[in-house]
PDB file of N, CA and C in Angstrom:
ATOM      1  N   MET A   1     113.510  77.904  88.248  1.00  0.00           N
ATOM      2  CA  MET A   1     114.638  78.334  88.293  1.00  0.00           C
ATOM      3  C   MET A   1     115.269  79.489  89.421  1.00  0.00           C
ATOM      4  N   ALA A   2     116.664  78.866  89.775  1.00  0.00           N
ATOM      5  CA  ALA A   2     117.224  79.574  90.696  1.00  0.00           C
ATOM      6  C   ALA A   2     117.791  80.555  89.978  1.00  0.00           C
ATOM      7  N   THR A   3     117.744  81.742  90.518  1.00  0.00           N
ATOM      8  CA  THR A   3     118.649  83.204  89.719  1.00  0.00           C
ATOM      9  C   THR A   3     119.081  84.538  91.214  1.00  0.00           C
ATOM     10  N   THR A   4     119.795  84.565  90.429  1.00  0.00           N
ATOM     11  CA  THR A   4     120.355  85.500  91.796  1.00  0.00           C
ATOM     12  C   THR A   4     120.131  87.311  91.132  1.00  0.00           C
ATOM     13  N   VAL A   5     119.569  87.633  92.203  1.00  0.00           N
ATOM     14  CA  VAL A   5     119.006  89.650  92.190  1.00  0.00           C
ATOM     15  C   VAL A   5     119.646  90.216  93.514  1.00  0.00           C
ATOM     16  N   HIS A   6     120.352  91.126  93.064  1.00  0.00           N
ATOM     17  CA  HIS A   6     121.341  92.078  93.736  1.00  0.00           C
ATOM     18  C   HIS A   6     120.368  93.146  94.035  1.00  0.00           C
ATOM     19  N   ILE A   7     119.739  93.024  95.251  1.00  0.00           N
ATOM     20  CA  ILE A   7     118.910  93.868  96.203  1.00  0.00           C
ATOM     21  C   ILE A   7     119.221  95.089  97.326  1.00  0.00           C
ATOM     22  N   PRO A   8     119.351  96.589  96.878  1.00  0.00           N
ATOM     23  CA  PRO A   8     119.906  96.797  98.208  1.00  0.00           C
ATOM     24  C   PRO A   8     119.308  96.911  99.543  1.00  0.00           C
ATOM     25  N   GLU A   9     120.178  96.967 100.386  1.00  0.00           N
ATOM     26  CA  GLU A   9     120.211  96.181 101.673  1.00  0.00           C
ATOM     27  C   GLU A   9     118.574  97.249 102.486  1.00  0.00           C
ATOM     28  N   ARG A  10     118.503  98.474 101.897  1.00  0.00           N
ATOM     29  CA  ARG A  10     117.692  99.131 102.995  1.00  0.00           C
ATOM     30  C   ARG A  10     116.157  98.398 102.170  1.00  0.00           C
ATOM     31  N   LEU A  11     115.947  98.252 101.027  1.00  0.00           N
ATOM     32  CA  LEU A  11     114.922  97.558 100.600  1.00  0.00           C
ATOM     33  C   LEU A  11     114.459  95.941 100.607  1.00  0.00           C
ATOM     34  N   LEU A  12     115.721  95.407 100.845  1.00  0.00           N
ATOM     35  CA  LEU A  12     115.626  93.977 101.255  1.00  0.00           C
ATOM     36  C   LEU A  12     115.062  94.136 102.876  1.00  0.00           C
ATOM     37  N   GLU A  13     115.428  94.987 103.864  1.00  0.00           N
ATOM     38  CA  GLU A  13     114.800  95.132 105.291  1.00  0.00           C
ATOM     39  C   GLU A  13     113.220  95.352 105.078  1.00  0.00           C
ATOM     40  N   ARG A  14     112.945  96.201 104.046  1.00  0.00           N
ATOM     41  CA  ARG A  14     111.628  96.605 104.103  1.00  0.00           C
ATOM     42  C   ARG A  14     110.748  95.127 103.443  1.00  0.00           C
ATOM     43  N   VAL A  15     111.387  94.634 102.544  1.00  0.00           N
ATOM     44  CA  VAL A  15     110.662  93.212 101.796  1.00  0.00           C
ATOM     45  C   VAL A  15     110.749  92.131 102.977  1.00  0.00           C
ATOM     46  N   ASP A  16     111.688  91.967 103.816  1.00  0.00           N
ATOM     47  CA  ASP A  16     111.427  91.176 104.865  1.00  0.00           C
ATOM     48  C   ASP A  16     110.159  91.685 105.786  1.00  0.00           C
ATOM     49  N   ALA A  17     110.116  92.820 106.204  1.00  0.00           N
ATOM     50  CA  ALA A  17     109.614  93.169 107.169  1.00  0.00           C
ATOM     51  C   ALA A  17     108.092  92.860 106.686  1.00  0.00           C
ATOM     52  N   ARG A  18     107.786  92.851 105.355  1.00  0.00           N
ATOM     53  CA  ARG A  18     106.538  92.908 104.786  1.00  0.00           C
ATOM     54  C   ARG A  18     105.922  91.765 104.776  1.00  0.00           C
ATOM     55  N   ALA A  19     107.042  91.056 104.436  1.00  0.00           N
ATOM     56  CA  ALA A  19     106.742  89.350 104.605  1.00  0.00           C
ATOM     57  C   ALA A  19     106.391  88.677 105.938  1.00  0.00           C
ATOM     58  N   ARG A  20     107.069  89.321 106.733  1.00  0.00           N
ATOM     59  CA  ARG A  20     107.079  88.497 107.912  1.00  0.00           C
ATOM     60  C   ARG A  20     105.502  89.333 108.710  1.00  0.00           C
ATOM     61  N   ALA A  21     104.747  90.522 108.093  1.00  0.00           N
ATOM     62  CA  ALA A  21     103.827  91.252 108.463  1.00  0.00           C
ATOM     63  C   ALA A  21     102.479  90.532 108.040  1.00  0.00           C
ATOM     64  N   LEU A  22     103.135  89.710 106.824  1.00  0.00           N
ATOM     65  CA  LEU A  22     101.817  89.029 105.990  1.00  0.00           C
ATOM     66  C   LEU A  22     102.019  87.916 106.174  1.00  0.00           C
ATOM     67  N   GLY A  23     103.069  87.263 106.898  1.00  0.00           N
ATOM     68  CA  GLY A  23     103.482  85.850 106.952  1.00  0.00           C
ATOM     69  C   GLY A  23     103.450  84.905 105.952  1.00  0.00           C
ATOM     70  N   VAL A  24     104.529  85.659 104.886  1.00  0.00           N
ATOM     71  CA  VAL A  24     104.604  84.584 104.029  1.00  0.00           C
ATOM     72  C   VAL A  24     106.303  84.862 103.754  1.00  0.00           C
ATOM     73  N   SER A  25     106.935  84.154 102.844  1.00  0.00           N
ATOM     74  CA  SER A  25     108.268  84.266 102.674  1.00  0.00           C
ATOM     75  C   SER A  25     108.681  85.196 101.819  1.00  0.00           C
ATOM     76  N   ARG A  26     109.872  85.789 102.140  1.00  0.00           N
ATOM     77  CA  ARG A  26     110.455  86.461 101.167  1.00  0.00           C
ATOM     78  C   ARG A  26     110.041  86.216  99.886  1.00  0.00           C
ATOM     79  N   ASN A  27     111.105  84.769  99.269  1.00  0.00           N
ATOM     80  CA  ASN A  27     110.474  84.698  97.861  1.00  0.00           C
ATOM     81  C   ASN A  27     109.373  84.923  97.562  1.00  0.00           C
ATOM     82  N   ARG A  28     108.121  84.106  98.304  1.00  0.00           N
ATOM     83  CA  ARG A  28     106.673  84.273  97.774  1.00  0.00           C
ATOM     84  C   ARG A  28     106.368  85.851  97.724  1.00  0.00           C
ATOM     85  N   LEU A  29     107.051  86.732  98.572  1.00  0.00           N
ATOM     86  CA  LEU A  29     106.623  87.915  98.322  1.00  0.00           C
ATOM     87  C   LEU A  29     106.789  88.716  97.198  1.00  0.00           C
ATOM     88  N   ILE A  30     108.165  88.343  96.837  1.00  0.00           N
ATOM     89  CA  ILE A  30     108.765  88.964  95.488  1.00  0.00           C
ATOM     90  C   ILE A  30     108.359  88.370  94.189  1.00  0.00           C
ATOM     91  N   VAL A  31     107.879  87.082  94.292  1.00  0.00           N
ATOM     92  CA  VAL A  31     107.459  86.557  93.109  1.00  0.00           C
ATOM     93  C   VAL A  31     105.973  86.971  92.911  1.00  0.00           C
ATOM     94  N   GLU A  32     105.403  87.132  93.834  1.00  0.00           N
ATOM     95  CA  GLU A  32     103.821  87.879  93.965  1.00  0.00           C
ATOM     96  C   GLU A  32     103.756  89.281  93.467  1.00  0.00           C
ATOM     97  N   ALA A  33     104.806  90.168  93.638  1.00  0.00           N
ATOM     98  CA  ALA A  33     105.390  91.362  93.588  1.00  0.00           C
ATOM     99  C   ALA A  33     105.517  91.636  91.873  1.00  0.00           C
ATOM    100  N   LEU A  34     106.392  90.657  91.732  1.00  0.00           N
ATOM    101  CA  LEU A  34     106.711  90.661  90.270  1.00  0.00           C
ATOM    102  C   LEU A  34     105.498  89.958  89.474  1.00  0.00           C
ATOM    103  N   GLU A  35     104.638  89.273  89.945  1.00  0.00           N
ATOM    104  CA  GLU A  35     103.747  88.800  88.902  1.00  0.00           C
ATOM    105  C   GLU A  35     102.884  89.819  89.004  1.00  0.00           C
ATOM    106  N   GLU A  36     102.763  90.742  89.953  1.00  0.00           N
ATOM    107  CA  GLU A  36     101.430  91.818  89.798  1.00  0.00           C
ATOM    108  C   GLU A  36     102.177  92.720  88.905  1.00  0.00           C
ATOM    109  N   LYS A  37     103.234  93.295  88.997  1.00  0.00           N
ATOM    110  CA  LYS A  37     103.876  94.183  88.488  1.00  0.00           C
ATOM    111  C   LYS A  37     103.853  93.992  86.430  1.00  0.00           C
ATOM    112  N   LEU A  38     104.103  92.690  86.216  1.00  0.00           N
ATOM    113  CA  LEU A  38     104.133  92.330  84.941  1.00  0.00           C
ATOM    114  C   LEU A  38     102.715  91.751  84.197  1.00  0.00           C
ATOM    115  N   ALA A  39     102.013  92.317  85.073  1.00  0.00           N
ATOM    116  CA  ALA A  39     100.210  91.530  84.770  1.00  0.00           C
ATOM    117  C   ALA A  39      99.653  92.681  83.682  1.00  0.00           C
ATOM    118  N   PRO A  40      99.291  92.057  82.657  1.00  0.00           N
ATOM    119  CA  PRO A  40      98.635  92.986  81.527  1.00  0.00           C
ATOM    120  C   PRO A  40      97.791  93.963  82.391  1.00  0.00           C
ATOM    121  N   GLN A  41      97.892  95.138  81.776  1.00  0.00           N
ATOM    122  CA  GLN A  41      97.059  96.282  82.444  1.00  0.00           C
ATOM    123  C   GLN A  41      95.479  96.220  82.047  1.00  0.00           C
ATOM    124  N   ALA A  42      94.547  96.289  82.590  1.00  0.00           N
ATOM    125  CA  ALA A  42      93.248  96.530  82.200  1.00  0.00           C
ATOM    126  C   ALA A  42      93.286  97.657  81.654  1.00  0.00           C
ATOM    127  N   LYS A  43      92.340  97.347  80.608  1.00  0.00           N
ATOM    128  CA  LYS A  43      92.251  98.792  79.704  1.00  0.00           C
ATOM    129  C   LYS A  43      90.465  98.881  79.766  1.00  0.00           C
ATOM    130  N   TRP A  44      89.867 100.267  79.640  1.00  0.00           N
ATOM    131  CA  TRP A  44      88.590 100.386  79.730  1.00  0.00           C
ATOM    132  C   TRP A  44      88.177 100.142  78.232  1.00  0.00           C
ATOM    133  N   PRO A  45      86.999  99.656  77.721  1.00  0.00           N
ATOM    134  CA  PRO A  45      86.215  99.482  76.603  1.00  0.00           C
ATOM    135  C   PRO A  45      86.663 100.680  75.925  1.00  0.00           C
ATOM    136  N   PRO A  46      86.625 101.218  74.478  1.00  0.00           N
ATOM    137  CA  PRO A  46      86.308 102.270  74.184  1.00  0.00           C
ATOM    138  C   PRO A  46      85.069 102.867  74.101  1.00  0.00           C
ATOM    139  N   GLU A  47      84.001 102.409  73.958  1.00  0.00           N
ATOM    140  CA  GLU A  47      82.685 102.791  74.171  1.00  0.00           C
ATOM    141  C   GLU A  47      82.293 103.367  75.299  1.00  0.00           C
ATOM    142  N   LEU A  48      83.125 103.037  76.671  1.00  0.00           N
ATOM    143  CA  LEU A  48      82.616 103.508  77.587  1.00  0.00           C
ATOM    144  C   LEU A  48      83.770 104.483  77.698  1.00  0.00           C
ATOM    145  N   VAL A  49      84.917 104.764  77.326  1.00  0.00           N
ATOM    146  CA  VAL A  49      85.450 106.093  77.169  1.00  0.00           C
ATOM    147  C   VAL A  49      84.984 106.827  76.566  1.00  0.00           C
ATOM    148  N   LYS A  50      84.281 106.797  75.689  1.00  0.00           N
ATOM    149  CA  LYS A  50      83.354 107.614  74.810  1.00  0.00           C
ATOM    150  C   LYS A  50      82.289 108.459  75.266  1.00  0.00           C
ATOM    151  N   LEU A  51      81.862 107.376  76.091  1.00  0.00           N
ATOM    152  CA  LEU A  51      80.535 107.934  76.806  1.00  0.00           C
ATOM    153  C   LEU A  51      80.618 108.938  77.840  1.00  0.00           C
ATOM    154  N   LEU A  52      82.078 108.181  78.869  1.00  0.00           N
ATOM    155  CA  LEU A  52      82.646 108.996  79.812  1.00  0.00           C
ATOM    156  C   LEU A  52      83.047 110.295  79.455  1.00  0.00           C
ATOM    157  N   SER A  53      83.711 110.577  78.405  1.00  0.00           N
ATOM    158  CA  SER A  53      84.138 111.758  77.630  1.00  0.00           C
ATOM    159  C   SER A  53      82.977 112.870  77.120  1.00  0.00           C
ATOM    160  N   GLY A  54      82.060 112.296  76.515  1.00  0.00           N
ATOM    161  CA  GLY A  54      81.082 113.080  75.903  1.00  0.00           C
ATOM    162  C   GLY A  54      80.131 114.179  76.995  1.00  0.00           C
ATOM    163  N   PRO A  55      79.237 114.983  76.269  1.00  0.00           N
ATOM    164  CA  PRO A  55      78.594 115.900  77.250  1.00  0.00           C
ATOM    165  C   PRO A  55      77.591 115.212  78.399  1.00  0.00           C
ATOM    166  N   VAL A  56      77.287 115.813  79.417  1.00  0.00           N
ATOM    167  CA  VAL A  56      76.365 115.147  80.158  1.00  0.00           C
ATOM    168  C   VAL A  56      75.038 115.628  79.572  1.00  0.00           C
ATOM    169  N   ASP A  57      74.377 114.446  79.867  1.00  0.00           N
ATOM    170  CA  ASP A  57      72.811 114.896  79.488  1.00  0.00           C
ATOM    171  C   ASP A  57      72.124 115.616  80.447  1.00  0.00           C
ATOM    172  N   PRO A  58      71.656 116.968  80.603  1.00  0.00           N
ATOM    173  CA  PRO A  58      70.977 117.584  81.366  1.00  0.00           C
ATOM    174  C   PRO A  58      70.046 117.016  82.164  1.00  0.00           C
ATOM    175  N   GLU A  59      69.332 116.132  81.706  1.00  0.00           N
ATOM    176  CA  GLU A  59      68.689 115.606  82.293  1.00  0.00           C
ATOM    177  C   GLU A  59      68.750 114.661  83.296  1.00  0.00           C
ATOM    178  N   LEU A  60      69.589 114.241  83.147  1.00  0.00           N
ATOM    179  CA  LEU A  60      70.363 113.110  83.750  1.00  0.00           C
ATOM    180  C   LEU A  60      71.303 113.524  85.089  1.00  0.00           C
ATOM    181  N   ASP A  61      71.935 114.633  84.465  1.00  0.00           N
ATOM    182  CA  ASP A  61      72.668 115.796  85.663  1.00  0.00           C
ATOM    183  C   ASP A  61      71.559 116.072  86.588  1.00  0.00           C
ATOM    184  N   ALA A  62      70.529 116.472  86.437  1.00  0.00           N
ATOM    185  CA  ALA A  62      69.500 117.485  87.313  1.00  0.00           C
ATOM    186  C   ALA A  62      68.861 115.939  88.351  1.00  0.00           C
ATOM    187  N   ALA A  63      68.613 114.756  87.392  1.00  0.00           N
ATOM    188  CA  ALA A  63      68.265 113.572  88.487  1.00  0.00           C
ATOM    189  C   ALA A  63      69.263 113.454  89.356  1.00  0.00           C
ATOM    190  N   ALA A  64      70.576 113.255  89.054  1.00  0.00           N
ATOM    191  CA  ALA A  64      71.757 112.691  89.766  1.00  0.00           C
ATOM    192  C   ALA A  64      71.817 113.833  90.727  1.00  0.00           C
ATOM    193  N   ARG A  65      71.732 115.005  90.598  1.00  0.00           N
ATOM    194  CA  ARG A  65      71.671 116.296  91.733  1.00  0.00           C
ATOM    195  C   ARG A  65      70.775 116.233  92.649  1.00  0.00           C
ATOM    196  N   ALA A  66      69.608 115.900  92.280  1.00  0.00           N
ATOM    197  CA  ALA A  66      68.469 115.569  92.972  1.00  0.00           C
ATOM    198  C   ALA A  66      68.676 114.416  93.808  1.00  0.00           C
ATOM    199  N   MET A  67      68.983 113.287  93.274  1.00  0.00           N
ATOM    200  CA  MET A  67      69.335 112.225  94.231  1.00  0.00           C
ATOM    201  C   MET A  67      70.720 112.374  95.010  1.00  0.00           C
ATOM    202  N   GLU A  68      71.033 112.912  94.994  1.00  0.00           N
ATOM    203  CA  GLU A  68      72.409 113.466  96.103  1.00  0.00           C
ATOM    204  C   GLU A  68      71.719 114.350  96.981  1.00  0.00           C
ATOM    205  N   ARG A  69      71.044 115.440  96.822  1.00  0.00           N
ATOM    206  CA  ARG A  69      70.096 116.019  97.826  1.00  0.00           C
ATOM    207  C   ARG A  69      69.145 115.625  98.348  1.00  0.00           C
ATOM    208  N   ALA A  70      68.809 114.580  98.115  1.00  0.00           N
ATOM    209  CA  ALA A  70      68.025 113.527  98.948  1.00  0.00           C
ATOM    210  C   ALA A  70      68.792 112.681  99.778  1.00  0.00           C
ATOM    211  N   MET A  71      69.797 112.245  99.195  1.00  0.00           N
ATOM    212  CA  MET A  71      70.739 111.271 100.219  1.00  0.00           C
ATOM    213  C   MET A  71      71.363 112.268 101.207  1.00  0.00           C
ATOM    214  N   GLU A  72      71.662 113.211 100.955  1.00  0.00           N
ATOM    215  CA  GLU A  72      72.021 114.305 101.913  1.00  0.00           C
ATOM    216  C   GLU A  72      71.381 114.573 103.034  1.00  0.00           C
ATOM    217  N   ARG A  73      69.534 114.530 103.069  1.00  0.00           N
ATOM    218  CA  ARG A  73      69.031 115.316 103.878  1.00  0.00           C
ATOM    219  C   ARG A  73      68.710 113.645 104.698  1.00  0.00           C
ATOM    220  N   GLY A  74      68.677 112.850 104.241  1.00  0.00           N
ATOM    221  CA  GLY A  74      68.816 111.423 104.534  1.00  0.00           C
ATOM    222  C   GLY A  74      70.028 111.290 105.862  1.00  0.00           C
ATOM    223  N   ARG A  75      70.941 111.539 105.854  1.00  0.00           N
ATOM    224  CA  ARG A  75      71.943 111.425 106.438  1.00  0.00           C
ATOM    225  C   ARG A  75      71.913 111.522 107.955  1.00  0.00           C
ATOM    226  N   ARG A  76      72.553 110.617 108.586  1.00  0.00           N
ATOM    227  CA  ARG A  76      72.351 110.942 110.107  1.00  0.00           C
ATOM    228  C   ARG A  76      73.778 111.525 110.665  1.00  0.00           C
ATOM    229  N   SER A  77      74.727 111.765 109.911  1.00  0.00           N
ATOM    230  CA  SER A  77      75.856 112.369 110.478  1.00  0.00           C
ATOM    231  C   SER A  77      75.841 113.340 110.166  1.00  0.00           C
ATOM    232  N   ARG A  78      76.135 114.623 110.880  1.00  0.00           N
ATOM    233  CA  ARG A  78      76.206 115.848 110.994  1.00  0.00           C
ATOM    234  C   ARG A  78      77.471 116.580 109.969  1.00  0.00           C
ATOM    235  N   LYS A  79      78.158 115.269 109.533  1.00  0.00           N
ATOM    236  CA  LYS A  79      79.565 115.995 108.631  1.00  0.00           C
ATOM    237  C   LYS A  79      78.961 116.141 107.495  1.00  0.00           C
ATOM    238  N   ARG A  80      79.327 116.991 106.604  1.00  0.00           N
ATOM    239  CA  ARG A  80      79.169 117.015 105.218  1.00  0.00           C
ATOM    240  C   ARG A  80      80.058 116.285 104.362  1.00  0.00           C
ATOM    241  N   PRO A  81      79.389 115.374 103.505  1.00  0.00           N
ATOM    242  CA  PRO A  81      80.296 114.781 102.456  1.00  0.00           C
ATOM    243  C   PRO A  81      81.187 115.490 101.601  1.00  0.00           C
ATOM    244  N   PRO A  82      82.532 115.113 101.318  1.00  0.00           N
ATOM    245  CA  PRO A  82      83.044 116.071 100.116  1.00  0.00           C
ATOM    246  C   PRO A  82      82.448 116.335  98.832  1.00  0.00           C
ATOM    247  N   ARG A  83      82.365 117.099  98.317  1.00  0.00           N
ATOM    248  CA  ARG A  83      81.633 117.580  97.151  1.00  0.00           C
ATOM    249  C   ARG A  83      82.335 117.012  95.902  1.00  0.00           C
ATOM    250  N   LEU A  84      81.890 116.240  95.188  1.00  0.00           N
ATOM    251  CA  LEU A  84      82.345 115.393  94.083  1.00  0.00           C
ATOM    252  C   LEU A  84      82.302 116.293  92.693  1.00  0.00           C
TER     253      LEU A  84
END
């Protein structure tokens, strides 16, 4: 269905530049952007949220830290990874 939408000139210039860079038409880019924006948002299962928000098992935490130290010792790069 044809429709008319008023897009500010500066925004339209950016749309055209992106469409050219992607090798698609302006119309295709706008349709895909609208589809993405209007798609239902994925939600995490409540069980996962509950699990992640609960206390950390001390034994599991110790094992994870030991594994992290072992990986750091095995690295070939001299740079230290960011602390998570």
